[in-house]
Amino acid sequence: MPRPSQENKILEAALQCFAELGYEGTRTRHIAERAGVAESALYRHYASKEAIAQVLFQQHCQDLTQRLSEIAAASLSVEARLKGFVQMALDEYREDAASISYIMIQPPAFKHLLPTDVVSPLDIIAEVIAEGQKTGEVRSGPPVLLASAFVGCFIQLFAFAHFALFQKIQPCLITQNEQVIVEMAWAAVARPKQV
């Protein structure tokens, strides 16, 4: 009887290692130990640490892009869709902080090797922001710059909690204040109210 594949265990272990140790700090032995497999089992599935990292990055990036695309295509106001992006990121952070860390906080240096047809999550957000500029919901400015500021409102908080840069920003503080974070990100791009 053939042995069951260890591939999923290896990928999950690698994601956890990359999130905790960073890509550069992770060794194949760390991944093998975390997965509970021999390093030789790891090499039966992947030629190198970089091969594992590329598969993980592509899988998670495509999943994120798909979910953002679904929100972007919804028949909702620009404000509701942008807030939906933030809520989706918060949900992902709550359920799987390792993938958020790996993809958004400390992406590997080889992300440029992704297939050329992979759409950037930032581009999806920038398109919705550009739409909001046309409807008057979003302030003027380069959409990609506004998208970067918008994403920074929550990704920077994830980074602070992940790296414990500021002990007062812990994961529980983020999950307890999700509505504040959603409103803060929206405020970063919303057209200022005329007084």
Protein backbone atom coordinates (compact mmCIF):
# COMPACT_ATOMS: atom_id res chain seq x y z
CA MET A 1 0.00 0.00 0.00
CA PRO A 2 1.53 3.38 -0.98
CA ARG A 3 2.30 5.88 1.73
CA PRO A 4 0.00 8.90 1.90
CA SER A 5 1.47 12.08 0.50
CA GLN A 6 3.09 14.39 3.01
CA GLU A 7 2.78 17.36 0.65
CA ASN A 8 0.03 19.20 2.54
CA LYS A 9 1.85 18.76 5.86
CA ILE A 10 5.03 20.08 4.28
CA LEU A 11 3.29 23.13 2.79
CA GLU A 12 1.53 23.97 6.06
CA ALA A 13 4.76 23.56 8.03
CA ALA A 14 6.64 25.72 5.52
CA LEU A 15 4.01 28.47 5.76
CA GLN A 16 4.32 28.51 9.55
CA CYS A 17 8.13 28.57 9.36
CA PHE A 18 8.21 31.35 6.75
CA ALA A 19 5.77 33.41 8.84
CA GLU A 20 7.74 32.94 12.05
CA LEU A 21 11.33 32.91 10.81
CA GLY A 22 11.05 34.72 7.47
CA TYR A 23 12.04 33.16 4.19
CA GLU A 24 15.76 33.79 4.68
CA GLY A 25 15.76 32.43 8.24
CA THR A 26 13.96 29.21 7.35
CA ARG A 27 15.96 26.10 6.53
CA THR A 28 14.61 22.90 5.00
CA ARG A 29 15.33 21.12 8.27
CA HIS A 30 12.98 23.58 10.06
CA ILE A 31 10.22 22.72 7.61
CA ALA A 32 10.84 18.97 7.90
CA GLU A 33 10.89 19.12 11.70
CA ARG A 34 7.66 21.16 11.83
CA ALA A 35 5.98 18.77 9.37
CA GLY A 36 7.20 15.72 11.28
CA VAL A 37 8.88 14.26 8.21
CA ALA A 38 12.41 13.46 7.17
CA GLU A 39 14.16 16.02 4.98
CA SER A 40 14.32 13.34 2.29
CA ALA A 41 10.48 13.25 2.25
CA LEU A 42 10.47 16.99 1.70
CA TYR A 43 12.83 16.61 -1.28
CA ARG A 44 10.59 13.92 -2.81
CA HIS A 45 7.98 16.64 -3.29
CA TYR A 46 10.07 19.78 -3.83
CA ALA A 47 13.54 20.40 -5.22
CA SER A 48 14.31 23.23 -2.80
CA LYS A 49 13.06 25.61 -0.16
CA GLU A 50 12.51 28.16 -2.94
CA ALA A 51 10.26 25.71 -4.81
CA ILE A 52 8.10 25.26 -1.71
CA ALA A 53 7.97 29.02 -1.15
CA GLN A 54 6.97 29.69 -4.76
CA VAL A 55 4.11 27.18 -4.61
CA LEU A 56 2.87 28.65 -1.33
CA PHE A 57 3.14 32.24 -2.49
CA GLN A 58 1.35 31.52 -5.76
CA GLN A 59 -1.45 29.56 -4.05
CA HIS A 60 -2.09 32.18 -1.38
CA CYS A 61 -1.73 35.12 -3.76
CA GLN A 62 -4.19 33.58 -6.23
CA ASP A 63 -6.65 32.84 -3.43
CA LEU A 64 -6.40 36.40 -2.13
CA THR A 65 -6.81 37.83 -5.63
CA GLN A 66 -9.87 35.66 -6.26
CA ARG A 67 -11.55 36.78 -3.05
CA LEU A 68 -10.75 40.44 -3.68
CA SER A 69 -12.09 40.11 -7.25
CA GLU A 70 -15.36 38.71 -5.94
CA ILE A 71 -15.77 41.65 -3.56
CA ALA A 72 -14.78 44.13 -6.29
CA ALA A 73 -17.43 42.69 -8.64
CA ALA A 74 -20.25 42.83 -6.07
CA SER A 75 -23.18 45.16 -6.69
CA LEU A 76 -22.33 47.36 -3.72
CA SER A 77 -21.20 50.93 -3.23
CA VAL A 78 -17.50 51.68 -3.46
CA GLU A 79 -17.46 52.32 0.28
CA ALA A 80 -19.04 48.93 1.00
CA ARG A 81 -16.60 47.13 -1.29
CA LEU A 82 -13.55 48.85 0.18
CA LYS A 83 -14.75 48.09 3.69
CA GLY A 84 -15.36 44.53 2.50
CA PHE A 85 -11.70 44.27 1.47
CA VAL A 86 -10.62 45.29 4.97
CA GLN A 87 -13.06 42.88 6.63
CA MET A 88 -11.82 40.05 4.42
CA ALA A 89 -8.21 40.79 5.44
CA LEU A 90 -9.23 40.93 9.11
CA ASP A 91 -11.07 37.61 8.80
CA GLU A 92 -8.00 36.06 7.17
CA TYR A 93 -5.76 37.50 9.88
CA ARG A 94 -8.00 36.06 12.60
CA GLU A 95 -8.17 32.63 10.95
CA ASP A 96 -4.68 32.33 9.45
CA ALA A 97 -2.22 35.00 10.52
CA ALA A 98 0.64 32.99 9.00
CA SER A 99 -0.64 33.42 5.44
CA ILE A 100 -1.19 37.15 5.96
CA SER A 101 2.35 37.43 7.29
CA TYR A 102 3.83 35.45 4.43
CA ILE A 103 2.02 37.23 1.62
CA MET A 104 1.53 40.77 2.84
CA ILE A 105 3.98 41.50 5.63
CA GLN A 106 7.14 39.73 4.54
CA PRO A 107 6.69 38.45 0.99
CA PRO A 108 9.63 36.54 -0.44
CA ALA A 109 12.08 38.31 -2.72
CA PHE A 110 11.20 36.07 -5.67
CA LYS A 111 7.60 37.28 -5.98
CA HIS A 112 8.59 38.69 -9.37
CA LEU A 113 8.75 35.07 -10.62
CA LEU A 114 4.96 34.69 -10.37
CA PRO A 115 3.19 34.03 -13.66
CA THR A 116 2.57 37.27 -15.55
CA ASP A 117 -1.20 36.74 -15.56
CA VAL A 118 -1.42 36.98 -11.76
CA VAL A 119 -3.26 40.19 -10.89
CA SER A 120 -1.87 42.21 -8.02
CA PRO A 121 -4.25 42.62 -5.07
CA LEU A 122 -3.23 46.29 -4.98
CA ASP A 123 -4.38 46.72 -8.59
CA ILE A 124 -7.83 45.37 -7.72
CA ILE A 125 -8.16 47.82 -4.84
CA ALA A 126 -6.84 50.68 -7.00
CA GLU A 127 -9.52 49.94 -9.64
CA VAL A 128 -12.29 50.22 -7.04
CA ILE A 129 -10.72 53.42 -5.72
CA ALA A 130 -10.64 54.85 -9.27
CA GLU A 131 -14.32 53.99 -9.61
CA GLY A 132 -14.96 55.78 -6.31
CA GLN A 133 -13.18 58.85 -7.61
CA LYS A 134 -15.56 58.95 -10.57
CA THR A 135 -18.60 58.73 -8.28
CA GLY A 136 -17.18 61.31 -5.86
CA GLU A 137 -16.90 58.88 -2.92
CA VAL A 138 -13.08 58.79 -2.89
CA ARG A 139 -10.59 61.66 -2.62
CA SER A 140 -8.50 62.66 -5.62
CA GLY A 141 -4.99 61.36 -6.11
CA PRO A 142 -3.24 58.50 -7.87
CA PRO A 143 -5.41 55.40 -7.25
CA VAL A 144 -2.42 53.13 -6.62
CA LEU A 145 -1.06 55.57 -4.02
CA LEU A 146 -4.43 55.73 -2.29
CA ALA A 147 -4.70 51.93 -2.48
CA SER A 148 -1.29 51.65 -0.81
CA ALA A 149 -2.33 54.01 2.01
CA PHE A 150 -5.63 52.14 2.38
CA VAL A 151 -3.90 48.74 2.68
CA GLY A 152 -1.25 50.22 4.96
CA CYS A 153 -3.92 51.12 7.51
CA PHE A 154 -4.41 47.46 8.39
CA ILE A 155 -1.29 45.68 7.13
CA GLN A 156 0.93 47.88 9.29
CA LEU A 157 -1.12 46.88 12.34
CA PHE A 158 -0.69 43.21 11.39
CA ALA A 159 3.06 43.77 11.09
CA PHE A 160 3.28 45.51 14.47
CA ALA A 161 1.41 42.63 16.12
CA HIS A 162 3.37 39.97 14.21
CA PHE A 163 6.80 41.32 15.02
CA ALA A 164 5.77 42.66 18.45
CA LEU A 165 7.23 46.01 17.45
CA PHE A 166 4.94 47.68 19.93
CA GLN A 167 3.83 45.49 22.80
CA LYS A 168 0.54 47.39 23.05
CA ILE A 169 -0.50 46.17 19.58
CA GLN A 170 -1.23 42.49 20.02
CA PRO A 171 -3.38 40.24 17.80
CA CYS A 172 -6.24 40.35 20.33
CA LEU A 173 -6.32 44.16 20.16
CA ILE A 174 -6.78 43.95 16.39
CA THR A 175 -9.58 41.39 16.53
CA GLN A 176 -11.37 43.29 19.31
CA ASN A 177 -11.34 46.52 17.30
CA GLU A 178 -12.13 45.39 13.78
CA GLN A 179 -14.79 48.03 13.17
CA VAL A 180 -12.37 50.79 14.16
CA ILE A 181 -9.82 49.42 11.66
CA VAL A 182 -12.42 49.18 8.88
CA GLU A 183 -13.50 52.80 9.45
CA MET A 184 -9.89 53.98 9.71
CA ALA A 185 -8.97 52.44 6.33
CA TRP A 186 -12.07 53.94 4.71
CA ALA A 187 -11.27 57.36 6.20
CA ALA A 188 -7.82 57.21 4.56
CA VAL A 189 -9.38 57.30 1.07
CA ALA A 190 -12.85 58.82 1.56
CA ARG A 191 -13.51 62.23 0.05
CA PRO A 192 -13.42 64.73 2.92
CA LYS A 193 -16.81 66.10 3.81
CA GLN A 194 -17.36 69.72 2.79
CA VAL A 195 -18.02 71.98 5.77
